[in-house]
Protein backbone atom coordinates (compact mmCIF):
# COMPACT_ATOMS: atom_id res chain seq x y z
CA MET A 1 -5.78 8.32 -26.57
CA LYS A 2 -5.70 6.23 -23.55
CA LYS A 3 -2.26 4.30 -22.77
CA ASN A 4 -2.45 0.76 -21.90
CA VAL A 5 -1.15 -0.44 -18.69
CA ILE A 6 -0.44 -4.01 -17.32
CA ASP A 7 -0.72 -3.92 -13.60
CA LEU A 8 1.47 -6.86 -11.69
CA PHE A 9 1.18 -7.98 -7.99
CA SER A 10 -1.89 -5.66 -8.35
CA GLY A 11 -3.59 -6.45 -5.14
CA CYS A 12 -6.97 -4.89 -4.78
CA GLY A 13 -6.21 -2.09 -7.28
CA GLY A 14 -4.99 0.95 -5.60
CA LEU A 15 -2.12 1.54 -8.20
CA SER A 16 -4.57 0.79 -11.25
CA LEU A 17 -6.94 3.14 -9.58
CA GLY A 18 -4.39 5.94 -9.85
CA LEU A 19 -3.42 5.15 -13.23
CA GLU A 20 -6.96 4.97 -14.41
CA GLN A 21 -7.88 8.45 -12.87
CA ALA A 22 -4.57 9.71 -14.53
CA GLY A 23 -5.92 8.55 -18.03
CA PHE A 24 -4.51 5.03 -18.44
CA ASN A 25 -6.54 2.07 -19.64
CA VAL A 26 -5.85 -1.20 -17.64
CA VAL A 27 -5.82 -3.99 -20.17
CA PHE A 28 -4.46 -6.82 -17.87
CA ALA A 29 -3.55 -7.50 -14.26
CA ASN A 30 -2.18 -10.38 -12.07
CA ASP A 31 -2.27 -11.38 -8.42
CA ILE A 32 -2.33 -14.42 -6.64
CA ASN A 33 -4.77 -13.69 -4.16
CA PRO A 34 -8.46 -14.54 -5.63
CA ILE A 35 -10.10 -11.99 -3.04
CA CYS A 36 -7.87 -9.18 -4.28
CA ALA A 37 -8.89 -10.22 -7.78
CA GLU A 38 -12.51 -9.89 -6.91
CA THR A 39 -12.00 -6.62 -5.56
CA PHE A 40 -9.95 -5.33 -8.53
CA VAL A 41 -12.35 -6.24 -10.91
CA GLU A 42 -15.08 -4.73 -8.90
CA ASN A 43 -13.48 -1.25 -8.95
CA ILE A 44 -11.47 -1.35 -12.15
CA ASN A 45 -12.81 -1.06 -15.59
CA ILE A 46 -11.30 -4.41 -16.65
CA ASN A 47 -13.28 -7.67 -17.80
CA LYS A 48 -12.59 -10.35 -15.27
CA LYS A 49 -11.03 -12.75 -18.06
CA CYS A 50 -8.26 -10.15 -18.32
CA PHE A 51 -7.26 -10.87 -14.73
CA PHE A 52 -4.64 -13.70 -14.34
CA ILE A 53 -5.34 -15.25 -10.94
CA GLY A 54 -2.08 -17.14 -9.62
CA ASP A 55 1.33 -17.36 -9.29
CA ILE A 56 3.46 -14.96 -11.57
CA ASN A 57 5.90 -17.65 -12.41
CA GLU A 58 2.95 -19.52 -14.16
CA LEU A 59 2.23 -16.31 -15.92
CA VAL A 60 5.63 -16.35 -17.43
CA VAL A 61 5.47 -19.97 -18.39
CA GLU A 62 2.08 -19.21 -19.98
CA HIS A 63 2.68 -15.61 -21.14
CA GLN A 64 2.19 -16.57 -25.01
CA LYS A 65 -1.58 -17.29 -24.21
CA TYR A 66 -1.98 -13.47 -23.25
CA GLN A 67 0.42 -12.08 -25.84
CA LYS A 68 -2.27 -9.68 -27.28
CA TYR A 69 -2.24 -7.93 -23.80
CA PHE A 70 1.50 -7.79 -23.91
CA THR A 71 1.90 -6.14 -27.39
CA ASN A 72 2.30 -2.67 -27.71
CA VAL A 73 1.74 -2.08 -24.03
CA ASP A 74 2.62 1.44 -22.79
CA LEU A 75 3.33 0.72 -19.21
CA ILE A 76 3.95 -2.23 -16.91
CA SER A 77 3.78 -1.61 -13.16
CA GLY A 78 4.27 -3.79 -10.18
CA GLY A 79 5.74 -4.29 -6.78
CA PRO A 80 7.11 -7.79 -6.78
CA PRO A 81 8.17 -8.98 -3.03
CA CYS A 82 11.88 -9.38 -2.62
CA GLN A 83 12.70 -11.48 0.47
CA GLY A 84 16.55 -11.63 -0.24
CA PHE A 85 17.61 -7.84 -0.51
CA SER A 86 19.22 -7.83 2.86
CA MET A 87 22.73 -6.21 2.70
CA ALA A 88 24.08 -9.17 4.70
CA ASN A 89 23.03 -11.66 2.03
CA ARG A 90 25.91 -11.66 -0.56
CA GLN A 91 24.21 -13.39 -3.20
CA ARG A 92 22.80 -11.38 -6.12
CA ILE A 93 19.06 -10.51 -5.89
CA ILE A 94 18.24 -11.84 -9.26
CA ASP A 95 20.14 -15.37 -8.59
CA ASP A 96 18.52 -15.67 -4.82
CA PRO A 97 15.69 -18.37 -5.07
CA ARG A 98 13.65 -16.32 -2.48
CA ASN A 99 13.51 -13.38 -5.19
CA ALA A 100 11.66 -15.65 -7.82
CA LEU A 101 8.94 -12.88 -8.13
CA TYR A 102 11.12 -10.09 -8.57
CA LYS A 103 12.95 -12.23 -11.63
CA ALA A 104 9.37 -13.06 -13.01
CA TYR A 105 8.57 -9.32 -13.00
CA LEU A 106 11.84 -8.67 -15.09
CA GLN A 107 11.08 -11.63 -17.55
CA LEU A 108 7.63 -10.10 -18.14
CA LEU A 109 9.25 -6.78 -18.91
CA SER A 110 11.52 -8.44 -21.22
CA PHE A 111 8.82 -10.31 -23.11
CA ALA A 112 6.41 -7.14 -23.42
CA LYS A 113 9.09 -4.38 -23.97
CA PRO A 114 6.87 -1.65 -22.48
CA LYS A 115 7.40 1.97 -23.41
CA PHE A 116 7.69 2.51 -19.62
CA PHE A 117 7.61 0.66 -16.43
CA ILE A 118 7.56 1.33 -12.92
CA MET A 119 8.56 -0.84 -9.71
CA GLU A 120 7.86 0.14 -6.47
CA ASN A 121 9.03 -1.56 -3.18
CA VAL A 122 9.97 -0.99 0.38
CA ARG A 123 12.50 1.70 0.95
CA GLY A 124 15.21 -0.98 2.31
CA MET A 125 15.39 -2.23 -1.13
CA ALA A 126 17.38 0.87 -1.98
CA LYS A 127 20.22 -0.69 -0.09
CA LYS A 128 20.68 -2.94 -3.20
CA ILE A 129 20.14 -0.45 -5.88
CA ASP A 130 23.16 -0.88 -7.58
CA GLU A 131 22.33 -4.65 -8.11
CA ILE A 132 18.78 -3.93 -9.10
CA LEU A 133 19.89 -1.25 -11.84
CA GLU A 134 22.35 -4.00 -12.96
CA ASP A 135 19.76 -6.37 -13.22
CA PHE A 136 17.30 -4.30 -15.14
CA ASP A 137 20.06 -3.23 -17.52
CA GLU A 138 21.06 -6.74 -18.08
CA VAL A 139 17.67 -8.02 -18.71
CA LEU A 140 16.63 -5.11 -20.72
CA LYS A 141 19.77 -5.21 -23.03
CA GLY A 142 20.52 -1.35 -21.86
CA LYS A 143 17.69 -0.19 -24.08
CA TYR A 144 15.82 1.70 -21.17
CA ASP A 145 16.71 5.12 -19.24
CA ILE A 146 16.22 4.19 -15.66
CA SER A 147 16.09 6.13 -12.21
CA TYR A 148 15.03 5.94 -9.04
CA ARG A 149 13.54 7.73 -6.03
CA ILE A 150 12.44 7.27 -2.37
CA LEU A 151 9.17 8.95 -2.14
CA ASN A 152 7.18 9.77 0.93
CA ALA A 153 3.30 9.69 0.91
CA LYS A 154 3.27 12.59 3.35
CA ASN A 155 4.87 15.01 0.65
CA PHE A 156 1.96 14.17 -1.87
CA GLY A 157 -1.02 15.19 0.25
CA ILE A 158 -1.49 12.02 2.25
CA PRO A 159 -1.37 12.16 5.90
CA GLN A 160 0.70 9.41 6.57
CA ASN A 161 4.44 8.97 6.85
CA ARG A 162 5.10 6.20 4.09
CA GLU A 163 7.98 5.85 2.28
CA ARG A 164 8.67 3.73 -0.79
CA LEU A 165 11.13 3.08 -3.44
CA PHE A 166 10.19 3.76 -6.92
CA VAL A 167 12.27 2.62 -9.82
CA ILE A 168 10.99 3.86 -13.34
CA GLY A 169 12.32 3.38 -16.87
CA ASN A 170 11.44 4.00 -20.39
CA ARG A 171 12.77 3.52 -24.09
CA ILE A 172 11.21 6.19 -25.91
CA GLY A 173 13.98 8.84 -25.22
CA VAL A 174 12.89 10.51 -21.99
CA GLU A 175 15.09 11.33 -19.11
CA SER A 176 13.66 9.36 -16.27
CA GLU A 177 15.10 11.79 -13.72
CA LYS A 178 13.60 14.63 -15.14
CA ILE A 179 10.02 12.69 -14.53
CA PHE A 180 11.22 12.32 -10.86
CA GLN A 181 12.02 16.11 -10.85
CA ASN A 182 8.56 17.16 -12.16
CA ILE A 183 6.86 14.69 -9.69
CA CYS A 184 8.96 16.38 -6.58
CA ASN A 185 8.43 19.88 -8.02
CA ASN A 186 4.58 19.71 -7.63
CA LYS A 187 3.57 21.20 -4.30
CA TYR A 188 0.89 19.87 -2.09
CA LYS A 189 -1.05 21.00 1.16
CA ASN A 190 0.36 19.14 4.16
CA PHE A 191 -2.56 17.35 5.63
CA VAL A 192 -2.58 15.80 9.13
CA LEU A 193 -4.60 13.16 10.77
CA LYS A 194 -7.25 15.46 11.94
CA ASP A 195 -7.82 16.57 8.35
CA ALA A 196 -8.54 12.78 7.44
CA ILE A 197 -10.86 11.53 10.34
CA SER A 198 -12.26 14.46 12.06
CA ASP A 199 -15.58 14.29 10.02
CA LEU A 200 -15.99 10.55 10.67
CA PRO A 201 -18.88 9.54 13.06
CA LYS A 202 -17.34 8.51 16.54
CA LEU A 203 -17.71 5.16 17.47
CA GLY A 204 -17.71 3.38 20.80
CA PHE A 205 -16.15 0.14 21.81
CA ASN A 206 -16.61 -3.32 20.16
CA LYS A 207 -16.50 -5.75 23.17
CA VAL A 208 -17.82 -8.60 21.37
CA LYS A 209 -15.50 -11.26 20.10
CA ASN A 210 -15.81 -12.84 16.42
CA SER A 211 -18.35 -10.16 15.60
CA THR A 212 -17.28 -9.14 12.34
CA SER A 213 -20.90 -9.40 11.19
CA LEU A 214 -22.16 -6.97 13.72
CA GLU A 215 -22.83 -3.56 12.65
CA ASN A 216 -24.67 -0.44 14.64
CA ASN A 217 -23.89 2.85 15.61
CA GLU A 218 -21.61 1.64 18.30
CA VAL A 219 -19.25 -0.40 16.34
CA GLY A 220 -19.66 1.07 12.75
CA PHE A 221 -20.88 -0.24 9.50
CA ARG A 222 -19.37 -1.67 6.43
CA GLU A 223 -21.50 0.82 4.23
CA ILE A 224 -23.73 3.39 5.08
CA GLU A 225 -25.16 6.56 3.59
CA TYR A 226 -23.08 9.48 4.83
CA THR A 227 -22.82 13.41 4.21
CA TYR A 228 -19.19 14.37 4.37
CA LYS A 229 -18.38 18.09 5.40
CA LYS A 230 -16.89 19.67 2.43
CA THR A 231 -13.40 19.94 3.78
CA GLU A 232 -10.17 20.87 1.87
CA PHE A 233 -9.10 17.39 2.38
CA TYR A 234 -12.46 15.70 1.26
CA LYS A 235 -12.11 17.87 -2.00
CA PHE A 236 -8.62 17.03 -2.38
CA ILE A 237 -8.75 13.31 -1.84
CA ASN A 238 -11.98 12.65 -3.75
CA ASP A 239 -10.76 14.91 -6.84
CA ASN A 240 -13.87 17.07 -6.33
CA ARG A 241 -16.24 14.06 -6.74
CA LYS A 242 -19.38 14.08 -4.56
CA ILE A 243 -19.09 11.13 -2.15
CA ASN A 244 -22.35 9.72 -0.39
CA PHE A 245 -21.20 6.51 1.26
CA LEU A 246 -18.92 5.71 4.17
CA TYR A 247 -17.23 2.31 3.82
CA ASN A 248 -15.44 0.06 6.31
CA HIS A 249 -15.67 2.50 9.19
CA LYS A 250 -15.96 -0.44 11.92
CA ASN A 251 -14.04 -1.20 15.34
CA ARG A 252 -12.45 -4.46 15.68
CA TYR A 253 -12.84 -6.24 18.93
CA ASN A 254 -10.87 -4.65 21.79
CA ASN A 255 -10.65 -6.21 25.31
CA GLU A 256 -11.03 -4.25 28.63
CA ARG A 257 -7.40 -4.15 29.17
CA ASP A 258 -6.61 -2.43 25.86
CA ILE A 259 -9.46 -0.04 26.23
CA LYS A 260 -8.21 1.05 29.57
CA ILE A 261 -4.57 1.06 28.27
CA PHE A 262 -5.79 3.74 25.55
CA SER A 263 -7.78 5.58 27.97
CA LEU A 264 -4.59 6.40 29.82
CA LEU A 265 -2.18 6.63 27.14
CA PRO A 266 -1.26 10.28 25.94
CA GLN A 267 -1.31 10.93 22.14
CA GLY A 268 2.05 10.35 20.53
CA GLU A 269 3.04 7.63 23.32
CA ASN A 270 3.76 4.00 23.00
CA SER A 271 3.83 0.84 25.35
CA LEU A 272 6.82 2.20 27.24
CA HIS A 273 4.90 5.20 28.76
CA PRO A 274 4.85 5.17 32.52
CA SER A 275 0.96 5.74 32.59
CA ILE A 276 0.59 2.10 31.44
CA SER A 277 3.52 0.47 33.26
CA ASP A 278 1.36 -1.47 35.60
CA ILE A 279 -0.96 -2.95 33.24
CA MET A 280 1.34 -3.46 30.10
CA PRO A 281 1.15 -7.07 29.54
CA TYR A 282 4.60 -7.56 27.55
CA LYS A 283 6.92 -5.93 30.24
CA THR A 284 9.37 -8.57 29.67
CA ARG A 285 9.57 -7.86 26.05
CA ASN A 286 9.32 -4.16 25.83
CA HIS A 287 12.11 -3.80 23.65
CA ILE A 288 10.27 -5.97 20.94
CA PHE A 289 6.93 -4.64 21.53
CA LYS A 290 7.24 -0.76 22.16
CA ASP A 291 4.80 -0.19 19.37
CA LYS A 292 2.37 -2.88 20.28
CA TYR A 293 0.29 -0.12 21.71
CA PHE A 294 0.44 3.59 20.05
CA LYS A 295 -1.64 6.41 20.21
CA LEU A 296 -1.72 8.48 17.29
CA LYS A 297 -1.21 12.36 17.25
CA TYR A 298 -4.18 14.39 16.09
CA ASP A 299 -2.24 17.22 14.67
CA GLU A 300 0.54 15.26 12.95
CA VAL A 301 0.85 12.82 9.95
CA CYS A 302 -0.23 9.08 10.78
CA LYS A 303 2.91 6.84 11.14
CA THR A 304 3.27 3.75 8.81
CA ASN A 305 2.34 0.78 11.30
CA LEU A 306 3.18 -2.71 11.21
CA TYR A 307 1.42 -5.87 12.73
CA ARG A 308 1.04 -9.58 12.42
CA ALA A 309 -2.22 -11.09 12.65
CA ASN A 310 -4.53 -13.93 12.26
CA TYR A 311 -8.08 -14.54 13.18
CA THR A 312 -7.69 -16.94 15.81
CA ASN A 313 -5.00 -15.38 18.00
CA CYS A 314 -4.39 -11.75 17.05
CA ASP A 315 -0.96 -10.02 17.61
CA PHE A 316 -1.75 -6.65 16.34
CA GLY A 317 0.60 -3.57 16.35
CA VAL A 318 -2.31 -1.31 17.38
CA CYS A 319 -2.87 2.51 16.44
CA LEU A 320 -5.50 4.31 18.38
CA HIS A 321 -6.80 7.93 18.66
CA ASP A 322 -9.24 9.39 20.84
CA GLU A 323 -11.79 9.75 18.10
CA LEU A 324 -11.21 6.57 16.28
CA PHE A 325 -10.32 3.05 17.26
CA ALA A 326 -8.27 1.73 14.33
CA THR A 327 -5.59 -0.65 13.02
CA ALA A 328 -3.52 0.88 10.24
CA GLN A 329 -3.90 -1.01 6.72
CA ILE A 330 -0.54 -2.39 6.48
CA GLU A 331 1.69 -3.68 3.74
């Protein structure tokens, strides 16, 4: 019998997809972004009526309307944004007004009393782990066995250096620490960037501004039929399913300066490399923009990249590889 799960702060459904593949049944989800909700419903086996689009604090107030989903739920998962977890902040996380979403997550846990819960967040939140455990214990009345661990995606077959804090708890008598031990005892092949992108069609340069609708062999396609090489990574990442389409293999706009910078920049080097010192546009702010430009290394895992962007005045932290112009998908 499938176990029921509620996904809070669901985004477009990455976590729910994994839970479905692990045998869970997603019965309810929430996110404030309607575009994320649309993507979620398209990809996850859930009725759109079971997706609450809006602020989770509104869901807390109206949760009784959705009581049938919150009754006898096996798992609640979520990664509440937490803006006030800095070590310099002396106010408790649960009392900091910036952390209303974190508090709402705890409140919904207390209403639903799931058998298990998962909370994931940035690794920096571990600095406040003692407070976090106190908050969970206080709100959940000490009825859950709780443990935590920082896990890195590169240790689980993903060619990306991405660390996240996971907090798990249960009220059915299982030692949560043993769950983490079992997770970490599983061994995965260490894939690198080359394994993930070497079979993708090579693209040229997109030199046309505001060209999101442009699609061709030079700039790429949002969706195209494609035959993948049956590599070890292909089989692993797709769980041996046959995939016949390539999605979102497109270049963003690159100006002539960026193209020249990346043609000169060696793999593994950033904005401070002497090969681009004469054309680097942010010399006076090198201490801030050292990773404004970074060329990924083909034979290593991909770094976790951070950027800020809007579509009228882009300020990207850019990752590029010889065979693939790309901006990493960032939290």
